């Protein structure tokens, strides 16, 4: 015979977690949707003075939602053991890749990339 108490408990915890997360994700979406609906109504009624307030509230809620989703993603990666090891990045190579990929678009807008570094000096 096998003890399934721990497995059952983990399943119950997971179900409760999903329920709580679903509720927490719905709240900022509902607030943002309501604020945008109010802004739309204010435009239709030509009451534009309150529109910035409605848009600001929607923006705050969307940023909050994005942070929650990022936190969930981080938690998921941590549980799976993803990114447990550090990665060595060649900064010069990364900068060269960014330059080659984005310099045509930057040039069209009158921007450019400038690479260089300064050696840190310590004074006591």
PDB file of N, CA and C in Angstrom:
ATOM      1  N   UNK A   1       0.839  -1.174   0.000  1.00  0.00           N
ATOM      2  CA  UNK A   1       0.000   0.000   0.000  1.00  0.00           C
ATOM      3  C   UNK A   1       0.887   1.242   0.000  1.00  0.00           C
ATOM      4  N   UNK A   2       0.340   2.299  -0.542  1.00  0.00           N
ATOM      5  CA  UNK A   2       1.090   3.536  -0.698  1.00  0.00           C
ATOM      6  C   UNK A   2       0.336   4.684  -0.038  1.00  0.00           C
ATOM      7  N   UNK A   3       1.076   5.550   0.664  1.00  0.00           N
ATOM      8  CA  UNK A   3       0.470   6.698   1.334  1.00  0.00           C
ATOM      9  C   UNK A   3       0.319   7.841   0.329  1.00  0.00           C
ATOM     10  N   UNK A   4      -0.914   8.208   0.011  1.00  0.00           N
ATOM     11  CA  UNK A   4      -1.158   9.278  -0.964  1.00  0.00           C
ATOM     12  C   UNK A   4      -1.533  10.592  -0.285  1.00  0.00           C
ATOM     13  N   UNK A   5      -1.365  10.653   1.029  1.00  0.00           N
ATOM     14  CA  UNK A   5      -1.741  11.857   1.778  1.00  0.00           C
ATOM     15  C   UNK A   5      -0.980  13.078   1.276  1.00  0.00           C
ATOM     16  N   UNK A   6       0.336  12.929   1.093  1.00  0.00           N
ATOM     17  CA  UNK A   6       1.154  14.054   0.650  1.00  0.00           C
ATOM     18  C   UNK A   6       0.752  14.490  -0.759  1.00  0.00           C
ATOM     19  N   UNK A   7       0.536  13.537  -1.651  1.00  0.00           N
ATOM     20  CA  UNK A   7       0.126  13.850  -3.017  1.00  0.00           C
ATOM     21  C   UNK A   7      -1.210  14.565  -3.023  1.00  0.00           C
ATOM     22  N   UNK A   8      -2.159  14.081  -2.248  1.00  0.00           N
ATOM     23  CA  UNK A   8      -3.478  14.703  -2.164  1.00  0.00           C
ATOM     24  C   UNK A   8      -3.366  16.121  -1.623  1.00  0.00           C
ATOM     25  N   UNK A   9      -2.543  16.304  -0.602  1.00  0.00           N
ATOM     26  CA  UNK A   9      -2.362  17.616  -0.010  1.00  0.00           C
ATOM     27  C   UNK A   9      -1.763  18.598  -1.029  1.00  0.00           C
ATOM     28  N   UNK A  10      -0.791  18.154  -1.805  1.00  0.00           N
ATOM     29  CA  UNK A  10      -0.187  19.011  -2.824  1.00  0.00           C
ATOM     30  C   UNK A  10      -1.205  19.393  -3.898  1.00  0.00           C
ATOM     31  N   UNK A  11      -2.058  18.441  -4.268  1.00  0.00           N
ATOM     32  CA  UNK A  11      -3.099  18.732  -5.256  1.00  0.00           C
ATOM     33  C   UNK A  11      -4.085  19.769  -4.721  1.00  0.00           C
ATOM     34  N   UNK A  12      -4.453  19.640  -3.462  1.00  0.00           N
ATOM     35  CA  UNK A  12      -5.363  20.606  -2.845  1.00  0.00           C
ATOM     36  C   UNK A  12      -4.723  21.986  -2.770  1.00  0.00           C
ATOM     37  N   UNK A  13      -3.446  22.037  -2.399  1.00  0.00           N
ATOM     38  CA  UNK A  13      -2.723  23.310  -2.340  1.00  0.00           C
ATOM     39  C   UNK A  13      -2.658  23.953  -3.728  1.00  0.00           C
ATOM     40  N   UNK A  14      -2.366  23.138  -4.736  1.00  0.00           N
ATOM     41  CA  UNK A  14      -2.288  23.655  -6.113  1.00  0.00           C
ATOM     42  C   UNK A  14      -3.641  24.206  -6.555  1.00  0.00           C
ATOM     43  N   UNK A  15      -4.718  23.488  -6.257  1.00  0.00           N
ATOM     44  CA  UNK A  15      -6.059  23.953  -6.621  1.00  0.00           C
ATOM     45  C   UNK A  15      -6.388  25.276  -5.945  1.00  0.00           C
ATOM     46  N   UNK A  16      -6.042  25.393  -4.660  1.00  0.00           N
ATOM     47  CA  UNK A  16      -6.307  26.636  -3.939  1.00  0.00           C
ATOM     48  C   UNK A  16      -5.467  27.772  -4.517  1.00  0.00           C
ATOM     49  N   UNK A  17      -4.207  27.482  -4.831  1.00  0.00           N
ATOM     50  CA  UNK A  17      -3.323  28.495  -5.409  1.00  0.00           C
ATOM     51  C   UNK A  17      -3.883  28.995  -6.739  1.00  0.00           C
ATOM     52  N   UNK A  18      -4.316  28.094  -7.587  1.00  0.00           N
ATOM     53  CA  UNK A  18      -4.881  28.478  -8.885  1.00  0.00           C
ATOM     54  C   UNK A  18      -6.132  29.323  -8.696  1.00  0.00           C
ATOM     55  N   UNK A  19      -6.958  28.970  -7.740  1.00  0.00           N
ATOM     56  CA  UNK A  19      -8.164  29.737  -7.458  1.00  0.00           C
ATOM     57  C   UNK A  19      -7.828  31.158  -7.016  1.00  0.00           C
ATOM     58  N   UNK A  20      -6.868  31.291  -6.111  1.00  0.00           N
ATOM     59  CA  UNK A  20      -6.476  32.608  -5.608  1.00  0.00           C
ATOM     60  C   UNK A  20      -5.851  33.443  -6.721  1.00  0.00           C
ATOM     61  N   UNK A  21      -4.969  32.831  -7.500  1.00  0.00           N
ATOM     62  CA  UNK A  21      -4.311  33.556  -8.597  1.00  0.00           C
ATOM     63  C   UNK A  21      -5.337  34.010  -9.629  1.00  0.00           C
ATOM     64  N   UNK A  22      -6.280  33.152  -9.956  1.00  0.00           N
ATOM     65  CA  UNK A  22      -7.319  33.526 -10.915  1.00  0.00           C
ATOM     66  C   UNK A  22      -8.084  34.747 -10.436  1.00  0.00           C
ATOM     67  N   UNK A  23      -8.440  34.758  -9.163  1.00  0.00           N
ATOM     68  CA  UNK A  23      -9.156  35.901  -8.600  1.00  0.00           C
ATOM     69  C   UNK A  23      -8.287  37.158  -8.649  1.00  0.00           C
ATOM     70  N   UNK A  24      -7.035  37.026  -8.237  1.00  0.00           N
ATOM     71  CA  UNK A  24      -6.131  38.177  -8.202  1.00  0.00           C
ATOM     72  C   UNK A  24      -5.851  38.726  -9.601  1.00  0.00           C
ATOM     73  N   UNK A  25      -5.837  37.876 -10.608  1.00  0.00           N
ATOM     74  CA  UNK A  25      -5.613  38.347 -11.976  1.00  0.00           C
ATOM     75  C   UNK A  25      -6.859  39.024 -12.543  1.00  0.00           C
ATOM     76  N   UNK A  26      -8.026  38.542 -12.144  1.00  0.00           N
ATOM     77  CA  UNK A  26      -9.272  39.143 -12.643  1.00  0.00           C
ATOM     78  C   UNK A  26      -9.488  40.558 -12.128  1.00  0.00           C
ATOM     79  N   UNK A  27      -9.068  40.823 -10.904  1.00  0.00           N
ATOM     80  CA  UNK A  27      -9.333  42.130 -10.290  1.00  0.00           C
ATOM     81  C   UNK A  27      -8.740  43.290 -11.081  1.00  0.00           C
ATOM     82  N   UNK A  28      -7.425  43.310 -11.381  1.00  0.00           N
ATOM     83  CA  UNK A  28      -6.904  44.448 -12.141  1.00  0.00           C
ATOM     84  C   UNK A  28      -7.471  44.526 -13.558  1.00  0.00           C
ATOM     85  N   UNK A  29      -7.794  43.385 -14.134  1.00  0.00           N
ATOM     86  CA  UNK A  29      -8.395  43.404 -15.470  1.00  0.00           C
ATOM     87  C   UNK A  29      -9.762  44.075 -15.415  1.00  0.00           C
ATOM     88  N   UNK A  30     -10.557  43.732 -14.413  1.00  0.00           N
ATOM     89  CA  UNK A  30     -11.889  44.331 -14.281  1.00  0.00           C
ATOM     90  C   UNK A  30     -11.792  45.836 -14.040  1.00  0.00           C
ATOM     91  N   UNK A  31     -10.832  46.254 -13.200  1.00  0.00           N
ATOM     92  CA  UNK A  31     -10.682  47.689 -12.933  1.00  0.00           C
ATOM     93  C   UNK A  31     -10.238  48.423 -14.188  1.00  0.00           C
ATOM     94  N   UNK A  32      -9.266  47.875 -14.900  1.00  0.00           N
ATOM     95  CA  UNK A  32      -8.783  48.520 -16.126  1.00  0.00           C
ATOM     96  C   UNK A  32      -9.896  48.588 -17.163  1.00  0.00           C
ATOM     97  N   UNK A  33     -10.640  47.507 -17.309  1.00  0.00           N
ATOM     98  CA  UNK A  33     -11.740  47.493 -18.280  1.00  0.00           C
ATOM     99  C   UNK A  33     -12.798  48.531 -17.915  1.00  0.00           C
ATOM    100  N   UNK A  34     -13.127  48.607 -16.632  1.00  0.00           N
ATOM    101  CA  UNK A  34     -14.110  49.592 -16.179  1.00  0.00           C
ATOM    102  C   UNK A  34     -13.634  51.015 -16.402  1.00  0.00           C
ATOM    103  N   UNK A  35     -12.368  51.278 -16.113  1.00  0.00           N
ATOM    104  CA  UNK A  35     -11.819  52.624 -16.310  1.00  0.00           C
ATOM    105  C   UNK A  35     -11.808  53.010 -17.785  1.00  0.00           C
ATOM    106  N   UNK A  36     -11.445  52.066 -18.638  1.00  0.00           N
ATOM    107  CA  UNK A  36     -11.442  52.358 -20.081  1.00  0.00           C
ATOM    108  C   UNK A  36     -12.865  52.542 -20.609  1.00  0.00           C
ATOM    109  N   UNK A  37     -13.795  51.760 -20.088  1.00  0.00           N
ATOM    110  CA  UNK A  37     -15.192  51.947 -20.486  1.00  0.00           C
ATOM    111  C   UNK A  37     -15.688  53.322 -20.070  1.00  0.00           C
ATOM    112  N   UNK A  38     -15.316  53.749 -18.857  1.00  0.00           N
ATOM    113  CA  UNK A  38     -15.684  55.093 -18.404  1.00  0.00           C
ATOM    114  C   UNK A  38     -15.071  56.160 -19.296  1.00  0.00           C
ATOM    115  N   UNK A  39     -13.810  55.986 -19.675  1.00  0.00           N
ATOM    116  CA  UNK A  39     -13.149  56.957 -20.555  1.00  0.00           C
ATOM    117  C   UNK A  39     -13.881  57.043 -21.893  1.00  0.00           C
ATOM    118  N   UNK A  40     -14.269  55.894 -22.427  1.00  0.00           N
ATOM    119  CA  UNK A  40     -15.007  55.866 -23.695  1.00  0.00           C
ATOM    120  C   UNK A  40     -16.338  56.610 -23.556  1.00  0.00           C
ATOM    121  N   UNK A  41     -17.037  56.360 -22.462  1.00  0.00           N
ATOM    122  CA  UNK A  41     -18.309  57.031 -22.218  1.00  0.00           C
ATOM    123  C   UNK A  41     -18.111  58.545 -22.071  1.00  0.00           C
ATOM    124  N   UNK A  42     -17.051  58.936 -21.381  1.00  0.00           N
ATOM    125  CA  UNK A  42     -16.763  60.360 -21.212  1.00  0.00           C
ATOM    126  C   UNK A  42     -16.474  61.035 -22.558  1.00  0.00           C
ATOM    127  N   UNK A  43     -15.809  60.322 -23.443  1.00  0.00           N
ATOM    128  CA  UNK A  43     -15.556  60.870 -24.784  1.00  0.00           C
ATOM    129  C   UNK A  43     -16.874  61.046 -25.522  1.00  0.00           C
ATOM    130  N   UNK A  44     -17.723  60.026 -25.447  1.00  0.00           N
ATOM    131  CA  UNK A  44     -19.020  60.106 -26.125  1.00  0.00           C
ATOM    132  C   UNK A  44     -19.866  61.265 -25.594  1.00  0.00           C
ATOM    133  N   UNK A  45     -19.738  61.549 -24.306  1.00  0.00           N
ATOM    134  CA  UNK A  45     -20.525  62.626 -23.693  1.00  0.00           C
ATOM    135  C   UNK A  45     -19.786  63.970 -23.697  1.00  0.00           C
ATOM    136  N   UNK A  46     -18.604  63.973 -24.322  1.00  0.00           N
ATOM    137  CA  UNK A  46     -17.777  65.181 -24.434  1.00  0.00           C
ATOM    138  C   UNK A  46     -17.401  65.754 -23.065  1.00  0.00           C
ATOM    139  N   UNK A  47     -17.154  64.861 -22.114  1.00  0.00           N
ATOM    140  CA  UNK A  47     -16.723  65.242 -20.764  1.00  0.00           C
ATOM    141  C   UNK A  47     -15.254  64.828 -20.609  1.00  0.00           C
ATOM    142  N   UNK A  48     -14.408  65.453 -21.393  1.00  0.00           N
ATOM    143  CA  UNK A  48     -13.024  64.995 -21.518  1.00  0.00           C
ATOM    144  C   UNK A  48     -12.123  65.313 -20.326  1.00  0.00           C
ATOM    145  N   UNK A  49     -12.546  66.124 -19.405  1.00  0.00           N
ATOM    146  CA  UNK A  49     -11.660  66.509 -18.307  1.00  0.00           C
ATOM    147  C   UNK A  49     -11.301  65.335 -17.393  1.00  0.00           C
ATOM    148  N   UNK A  50     -12.150  64.329 -17.308  1.00  0.00           N
ATOM    149  CA  UNK A  50     -11.887  63.191 -16.421  1.00  0.00           C
ATOM    150  C   UNK A  50     -11.221  62.015 -17.134  1.00  0.00           C
ATOM    151  N   UNK A  51     -11.006  62.132 -18.432  1.00  0.00           N
ATOM    152  CA  UNK A  51     -10.406  61.023 -19.191  1.00  0.00           C
ATOM    153  C   UNK A  51      -8.995  60.694 -18.717  1.00  0.00           C
ATOM    154  N   UNK A  52      -8.118  61.670 -18.493  1.00  0.00           N
ATOM    155  CA  UNK A  52      -6.769  61.314 -18.029  1.00  0.00           C
ATOM    156  C   UNK A  52      -6.778  60.478 -16.749  1.00  0.00           C
ATOM    157  N   UNK A  53      -7.697  60.773 -15.846  1.00  0.00           N
ATOM    158  CA  UNK A  53      -7.800  60.015 -14.597  1.00  0.00           C
ATOM    159  C   UNK A  53      -8.160  58.550 -14.878  1.00  0.00           C
ATOM    160  N   UNK A  54      -9.101  58.328 -15.776  1.00  0.00           N
ATOM    161  CA  UNK A  54      -9.517  56.962 -16.120  1.00  0.00           C
ATOM    162  C   UNK A  54      -8.381  56.208 -16.808  1.00  0.00           C
ATOM    163  N   UNK A  55      -7.684  56.888 -17.680  1.00  0.00           N
ATOM    164  CA  UNK A  55      -6.571  56.243 -18.389  1.00  0.00           C
ATOM    165  C   UNK A  55      -5.432  55.934 -17.418  1.00  0.00           C
ATOM    166  N   UNK A  56      -5.142  56.861 -16.512  1.00  0.00           N
ATOM    167  CA  UNK A  56      -4.091  56.621 -15.513  1.00  0.00           C
ATOM    168  C   UNK A  56      -4.412  55.404 -14.648  1.00  0.00           C
ATOM    169  N   UNK A  57      -5.660  55.284 -14.227  1.00  0.00           N
ATOM    170  CA  UNK A  57      -6.051  54.138 -13.405  1.00  0.00           C
ATOM    171  C   UNK A  57      -5.909  52.841 -14.191  1.00  0.00           C
ATOM    172  N   UNK A  58      -6.319  52.848 -15.439  1.00  0.00           N
ATOM    173  CA  UNK A  58      -6.167  51.653 -16.276  1.00  0.00           C
ATOM    174  C   UNK A  58      -4.703  51.285 -16.417  1.00  0.00           C
ATOM    175  N   UNK A  59      -3.884  52.274 -16.654  1.00  0.00           N
ATOM    176  CA  UNK A  59      -2.451  52.035 -16.822  1.00  0.00           C
ATOM    177  C   UNK A  59      -1.848  51.436 -15.552  1.00  0.00           C
ATOM    178  N   UNK A  60      -2.193  51.977 -14.391  1.00  0.00           N
ATOM    179  CA  UNK A  60      -1.689  51.438 -13.123  1.00  0.00           C
ATOM    180  C   UNK A  60      -2.089  49.971 -12.948  1.00  0.00           C
ATOM    181  N   UNK A  61      -3.335  49.657 -13.270  1.00  0.00           N
ATOM    182  CA  UNK A  61      -3.810  48.283 -13.103  1.00  0.00           C
ATOM    183  C   UNK A  61      -3.131  47.325 -14.076  1.00  0.00           C
ATOM    184  N   UNK A  62      -2.880  47.781 -15.273  1.00  0.00           N
ATOM    185  CA  UNK A  62      -2.199  46.927 -16.261  1.00  0.00           C
ATOM    186  C   UNK A  62      -0.757  46.683 -15.839  1.00  0.00           C
ATOM    187  N   UNK A  63      -0.076  47.701 -15.305  1.00  0.00           N
ATOM    188  CA  UNK A  63       1.284  47.511 -14.802  1.00  0.00           C
ATOM    189  C   UNK A  63       1.295  46.548 -13.619  1.00  0.00           C
ATOM    190  N   UNK A  64       0.300  46.669 -12.741  1.00  0.00           N
ATOM    191  CA  UNK A  64       0.175  45.752 -11.611  1.00  0.00           C
ATOM    192  C   UNK A  64      -0.010  44.318 -12.107  1.00  0.00           C
ATOM    193  N   UNK A  65      -0.869  44.152 -13.084  1.00  0.00           N
ATOM    194  CA  UNK A  65      -1.123  42.840 -13.668  1.00  0.00           C
ATOM    195  C   UNK A  65       0.154  42.273 -14.293  1.00  0.00           C
ATOM    196  N   UNK A  66       0.885  43.096 -15.005  1.00  0.00           N
ATOM    197  CA  UNK A  66       2.136  42.650 -15.626  1.00  0.00           C
ATOM    198  C   UNK A  66       3.141  42.185 -14.567  1.00  0.00           C
ATOM    199  N   UNK A  67       3.226  42.915 -13.448  1.00  0.00           N
ATOM    200  CA  UNK A  67       4.134  42.502 -12.368  1.00  0.00           C
ATOM    201  C   UNK A  67       3.710  41.157 -11.781  1.00  0.00           C
ATOM    202  N   UNK A  68       2.407  40.959 -11.597  1.00  0.00           N
ATOM    203  CA  UNK A  68       1.932  39.676 -11.063  1.00  0.00           C
ATOM    204  C   UNK A  68       2.270  38.539 -12.024  1.00  0.00           C
ATOM    205  N   UNK A  69       2.072  38.762 -13.300  1.00  0.00           N
ATOM    206  CA  UNK A  69       2.374  37.725 -14.288  1.00  0.00           C
ATOM    207  C   UNK A  69       3.865  37.432 -14.306  1.00  0.00           C
ATOM    208  N   UNK A  70       4.700  38.469 -14.217  1.00  0.00           N
ATOM    209  CA  UNK A  70       6.148  38.251 -14.155  1.00  0.00           C
ATOM    210  C   UNK A  70       6.526  37.462 -12.911  1.00  0.00           C
ATOM    211  N   UNK A  71       5.887  37.776 -11.782  1.00  0.00           N
ATOM    212  CA  UNK A  71       6.160  37.036 -10.550  1.00  0.00           C
ATOM    213  C   UNK A  71       5.774  35.568 -10.698  1.00  0.00           C
ATOM    214  N   UNK A  72       4.641  35.313 -11.322  1.00  0.00           N
ATOM    215  CA  UNK A  72       4.212  33.923 -11.546  1.00  0.00           C
ATOM    216  C   UNK A  72       5.187  33.194 -12.463  1.00  0.00           C
ATOM    217  N   UNK A  73       5.655  33.876 -13.468  1.00  0.00           N
ATOM    218  CA  UNK A  73       6.620  33.280 -14.387  1.00  0.00           C
ATOM    219  C   UNK A  73       7.919  32.955 -13.670  1.00  0.00           C
ATOM    220  N   UNK A  74       8.367  33.868 -12.822  1.00  0.00           N
ATOM    221  CA  UNK A  74       9.586  33.636 -12.047  1.00  0.00           C
ATOM    222  C   UNK A  74       9.407  32.451 -11.109  1.00  0.00           C
ATOM    223  N   UNK A  75       8.258  32.393 -10.447  1.00  0.00           N
ATOM    224  CA  UNK A  75       7.960  31.277  -9.554  1.00  0.00           C
ATOM    225  C   UNK A  75       7.952  29.959 -10.319  1.00  0.00           C
ATOM    226  N   UNK A  76       7.338  29.952 -11.477  1.00  0.00           N
ATOM    227  CA  UNK A  76       7.267  28.739 -12.288  1.00  0.00           C
ATOM    228  C   UNK A  76       8.658  28.271 -12.701  1.00  0.00           C
ATOM    229  N   UNK A  77       9.495  29.219 -13.141  1.00  0.00           N
ATOM    230  CA  UNK A  77      10.863  28.855 -13.538  1.00  0.00           C
ATOM    231  C   UNK A  77      11.650  28.326 -12.347  1.00  0.00           C
ATOM    232  N   UNK A  78      11.451  28.940 -11.190  1.00  0.00           N
ATOM    233  CA  UNK A  78      12.167  28.499  -9.987  1.00  0.00           C
ATOM    234  C   UNK A  78      11.756  27.085  -9.609  1.00  0.00           C
ATOM    235  N   UNK A  79      10.460  26.785  -9.727  1.00  0.00           N
ATOM    236  CA  UNK A  79       9.986  25.438  -9.382  1.00  0.00           C
ATOM    237  C   UNK A  79      10.529  24.393 -10.346  1.00  0.00           C
ATOM    238  N   UNK A  80      10.698  24.782 -11.598  1.00  0.00           N
ATOM    239  CA  UNK A  80      11.215  23.845 -12.593  1.00  0.00           C
ATOM    240  C   UNK A  80      12.734  23.772 -12.571  1.00  0.00           C
ATOM    241  N   UNK A  81      13.372  24.689 -11.830  1.00  0.00           N
ATOM    242  CA  UNK A  81      14.828  24.676 -11.754  1.00  0.00           C
ATOM    243  C   UNK A  81      15.488  25.369 -12.931  1.00  0.00           C
ATOM    244  N   UNK A  82      14.717  26.131 -13.692  1.00  0.00           N
ATOM    245  CA  UNK A  82      15.266  26.850 -14.830  1.00  0.00           C
ATOM    246  C   UNK A  82      16.071  28.027 -14.319  1.00  0.00           C
ATOM    247  N   UNK A  83      17.178  28.291 -14.943  1.00  0.00           N
ATOM    248  CA  UNK A  83      18.059  29.420 -14.635  1.00  0.00           C
ATOM    249  C   UNK A  83      18.689  29.292 -13.252  1.00  0.00           C
ATOM    250  N   UNK A  84      18.923  28.057 -12.814  1.00  0.00           N
ATOM    251  CA  UNK A  84      19.608  27.860 -11.544  1.00  0.00           C
ATOM    252  C   UNK A  84      21.093  28.170 -11.666  1.00  0.00           C
ATOM    253  N   UNK A  85      21.616  28.008 -12.873  1.00  0.00           N
ATOM    254  CA  UNK A  85      23.037  28.232 -13.074  1.00  0.00           C
ATOM    255  C   UNK A  85      23.257  29.611 -13.679  1.00  0.00           C
ATOM    256  N   UNK A  86      24.346  30.235 -13.275  1.00  0.00           N
ATOM    257  CA  UNK A  86      24.661  31.537 -13.847  1.00  0.00           C
ATOM    258  C   UNK A  86      25.148  31.363 -15.278  1.00  0.00           C
ATOM    259  N   UNK A  87      24.932  32.379 -16.059  1.00  0.00           N
ATOM    260  CA  UNK A  87      25.338  32.347 -17.460  1.00  0.00           C
ATOM    261  C   UNK A  87      26.366  33.440 -17.683  1.00  0.00           C
ATOM    262  N   UNK A  88      27.463  33.077 -18.306  1.00  0.00           N
ATOM    263  CA  UNK A  88      28.498  34.053 -18.616  1.00  0.00           C
ATOM    264  C   UNK A  88      28.150  34.698 -19.948  1.00  0.00           C
ATOM    265  N   UNK A  89      28.114  36.026 -19.948  1.00  0.00           N
ATOM    266  CA  UNK A  89      27.743  36.772 -21.147  1.00  0.00           C
ATOM    267  C   UNK A  89      28.934  37.604 -21.590  1.00  0.00           C
ATOM    268  N   UNK A  90      29.280  37.490 -22.867  1.00  0.00           N
ATOM    269  CA  UNK A  90      30.318  38.326 -23.456  1.00  0.00           C
ATOM    270  C   UNK A  90      29.657  39.643 -23.842  1.00  0.00           C
ATOM    271  N   UNK A  91      29.886  40.672 -23.040  1.00  0.00           N
ATOM    272  CA  UNK A  91      29.210  41.949 -23.225  1.00  0.00           C
ATOM    273  C   UNK A  91      29.573  42.573 -24.566  1.00  0.00           C
ATOM    274  N   UNK A  92      30.845  42.477 -24.965  1.00  0.00           N
ATOM    275  CA  UNK A  92      31.269  43.049 -26.253  1.00  0.00           C
ATOM    276  C   UNK A  92      30.535  42.374 -27.402  1.00  0.00           C
ATOM    277  N   UNK A  93      30.388  41.063 -27.334  1.00  0.00           N
ATOM    278  CA  UNK A  93      29.669  40.327 -28.373  1.00  0.00           C
ATOM    279  C   UNK A  93      28.191  40.706 -28.391  1.00  0.00           C
ATOM    280  N   UNK A  94      27.586  40.818 -27.220  1.00  0.00           N
ATOM    281  CA  UNK A  94      26.183  41.221 -27.120  1.00  0.00           C
ATOM    282  C   UNK A  94      25.986  42.615 -27.711  1.00  0.00           C
ATOM    283  N   UNK A  95      26.884  43.546 -27.377  1.00  0.00           N
ATOM    284  CA  UNK A  95      26.795  44.906 -27.908  1.00  0.00           C
ATOM    285  C   UNK A  95      26.928  44.902 -29.433  1.00  0.00           C
ATOM    286  N   UNK A  96      27.826  44.081 -29.955  1.00  0.00           N
ATOM    287  CA  UNK A  96      27.998  43.997 -31.414  1.00  0.00           C
ATOM    288  C   UNK A  96      26.739  43.443 -32.081  1.00  0.00           C
ATOM    289  N   UNK A  97      26.111  42.453 -31.457  1.00  0.00           N
ATOM    290  CA  UNK A  97      24.867  41.901 -32.002  1.00  0.00           C
ATOM    291  C   UNK A  97      23.766  42.948 -32.000  1.00  0.00           C
ATOM    292  N   UNK A  98      23.638  43.679 -30.912  1.00  0.00           N
ATOM    293  CA  UNK A  98      22.620  44.728 -30.819  1.00  0.00           C
ATOM    294  C   UNK A  98      22.877  45.794 -31.876  1.00  0.00           C
ATOM    295  N   UNK A  99      24.144  46.163 -32.021  1.00  0.00           N
ATOM    296  CA  UNK A  99      24.512  47.168 -33.019  1.00  0.00           C
ATOM    297  C   UNK A  99      24.139  46.711 -34.421  1.00  0.00           C
ATOM    298  N   UNK A 100      24.512  45.492 -34.775  1.00  0.00           N
ATOM    299  CA  UNK A 100      24.228  45.025 -36.133  1.00  0.00           C
ATOM    300  C   UNK A 100      22.729  44.873 -36.383  1.00  0.00           C
ATOM    301  N   UNK A 101      21.985  44.519 -35.340  1.00  0.00           N
ATOM    302  CA  UNK A 101      20.545  44.315 -35.516  1.00  0.00           C
ATOM    303  C   UNK A 101      19.767  45.627 -35.585  1.00  0.00           C
ATOM    304  N   UNK A 102      20.147  46.591 -34.765  1.00  0.00           N
ATOM    305  CA  UNK A 102      19.327  47.800 -34.635  1.00  0.00           C
ATOM    306  C   UNK A 102      19.911  49.066 -35.267  1.00  0.00           C
ATOM    307  N   UNK A 103      21.181  49.042 -35.716  1.00  0.00           N
ATOM    308  CA  UNK A 103      21.763  50.277 -36.246  1.00  0.00           C
ATOM    309  C   UNK A 103      21.073  50.778 -37.515  1.00  0.00           C
ATOM    310  N   UNK A 104      20.580  49.911 -38.420  1.00  0.00           N
ATOM    311  CA  UNK A 104      19.863  50.460 -39.584  1.00  0.00           C
ATOM    312  C   UNK A 104      18.618  51.256 -39.172  1.00  0.00           C
ATOM    313  N   UNK A 105      17.832  50.721 -38.251  1.00  0.00           N
ATOM    314  CA  UNK A 105      16.627  51.417 -37.800  1.00  0.00           C
ATOM    315  C   UNK A 105      16.991  52.687 -37.046  1.00  0.00           C
ATOM    316  N   UNK A 106      18.039  52.623 -36.238  1.00  0.00           N
ATOM    317  CA  UNK A 106      18.465  53.800 -35.480  1.00  0.00           C
ATOM    318  C   UNK A 106      18.959  54.882 -36.437  1.00  0.00           C
ATOM    319  N   UNK A 107      19.718  54.471 -37.471  1.00  0.00           N
ATOM    320  CA  UNK A 107      20.231  55.426 -38.448  1.00  0.00           C
ATOM    321  C   UNK A 107      19.126  56.158 -39.186  1.00  0.00           C
ATOM    322  N   UNK A 108      18.038  55.440 -39.490  1.00  0.00           N
ATOM    323  CA  UNK A 108      16.897  56.060 -40.173  1.00  0.00           C
ATOM    324  C   UNK A 108      16.282  57.175 -39.328  1.00  0.00           C
ATOM    325  N   UNK A 109      16.410  57.075 -38.016  1.00  0.00           N
ATOM    326  CA  UNK A 109      15.829  58.073 -37.111  1.00  0.00           C
ATOM    327  C   UNK A 109      16.872  59.078 -36.629  1.00  0.00           C
ATOM    328  N   UNK A 110      18.076  58.978 -37.176  1.00  0.00           N
ATOM    329  CA  UNK A 110      19.128  59.917 -36.807  1.00  0.00           C
ATOM    330  C   UNK A 110      19.863  59.564 -35.525  1.00  0.00           C
ATOM    331  N   UNK A 111      19.747  58.320 -35.095  1.00  0.00           N
ATOM    332  CA  UNK A 111      20.443  57.878 -33.894  1.00  0.00           C
ATOM    333  C   UNK A 111      21.593  56.974 -34.282  1.00  0.00           C
ATOM    334  N   UNK A 112      22.501  56.775 -33.361  1.00  0.00           N
ATOM    335  CA  UNK A 112      23.619  55.869 -33.594  1.00  0.00           C
ATOM    336  C   UNK A 112      24.057  55.240 -32.293  1.00  0.00           C
ATOM    337  N   UNK A 113      24.878  54.215 -32.428  1.00  0.00           N
ATOM    338  CA  UNK A 113      25.425  53.532 -31.262  1.00  0.00           C
ATOM    339  C   UNK A 113      26.866  53.970 -31.074  1.00  0.00           C
ATOM    340  N   UNK A 114      27.258  54.130 -29.832  1.00  0.00           N
ATOM    341  CA  UNK A 114      28.637  54.465 -29.524  1.00  0.00           C
ATOM    342  C   UNK A 114      29.097  53.497 -28.456  1.00  0.00           C
ATOM    343  N   UNK A 115      30.161  52.774 -28.753  1.00  0.00           N
ATOM    344  CA  UNK A 115      30.663  51.784 -27.810  1.00  0.00           C
ATOM    345  C   UNK A 115      31.959  52.270 -27.209  1.00  0.00           C
ATOM    346  N   UNK A 116      32.127  51.977 -25.962  1.00  0.00           N
ATOM    347  CA  UNK A 116      33.354  52.327 -25.258  1.00  0.00           C
ATOM    348  C   UNK A 116      33.190  51.960 -23.801  1.00  0.00           C
ATOM    349  N   UNK A 117      34.262  52.031 -23.097  1.00  0.00           N
ATOM    350  CA  UNK A 117      34.177  51.757 -21.674  1.00  0.00           C
ATOM    351  C   UNK A 117      35.198  52.617 -20.953  1.00  0.00           C
ATOM    352  N   UNK A 118      34.917  52.822 -19.696  1.00  0.00           N
ATOM    353  CA  UNK A 118      35.850  53.534 -18.837  1.00  0.00           C
ATOM    354  C   UNK A 118      36.309  52.580 -17.758  1.00  0.00           C
ATOM    355  N   UNK A 119      37.573  52.614 -17.510  1.00  0.00           N
ATOM    356  CA  UNK A 119      38.114  51.782 -16.453  1.00  0.00           C
ATOM    357  C   UNK A 119      37.828  52.465 -15.118  1.00  0.00           C
ATOM    358  N   UNK A 120      37.271  51.718 -14.198  1.00  0.00           N
ATOM    359  CA  UNK A 120      36.948  52.285 -12.879  1.00  0.00           C
ATOM    360  C   UNK A 120      38.222  52.525 -12.084  1.00  0.00           C
ATOM    361  N   UNK A 121      38.267  53.647 -11.437  1.00  0.00           N
ATOM    362  CA  UNK A 121      39.408  53.931 -10.573  1.00  0.00           C
ATOM    363  C   UNK A 121      38.903  54.171  -9.160  1.00  0.00           C
ATOM    364  N   UNK A 122      39.655  53.732  -8.213  1.00  0.00           N
ATOM    365  CA  UNK A 122      39.281  53.876  -6.813  1.00  0.00           C
ATOM    366  C   UNK A 122      40.200  54.884  -6.169  1.00  0.00           C
ATOM    367  N   UNK A 123      39.620  55.782  -5.442  1.00  0.00           N
ATOM    368  CA  UNK A 123      40.405  56.757  -4.703  1.00  0.00           C
ATOM    369  C   UNK A 123      40.088  56.620  -3.224  1.00  0.00           C
ATOM    370  N   UNK A 124      41.107  56.733  -2.456  1.00  0.00           N
ATOM    371  CA  UNK A 124      40.871  56.652  -1.008  1.00  0.00           C
ATOM    372  C   UNK A 124      41.242  57.930  -0.326  1.00  0.00           C
TER     373      UNK A 124
END
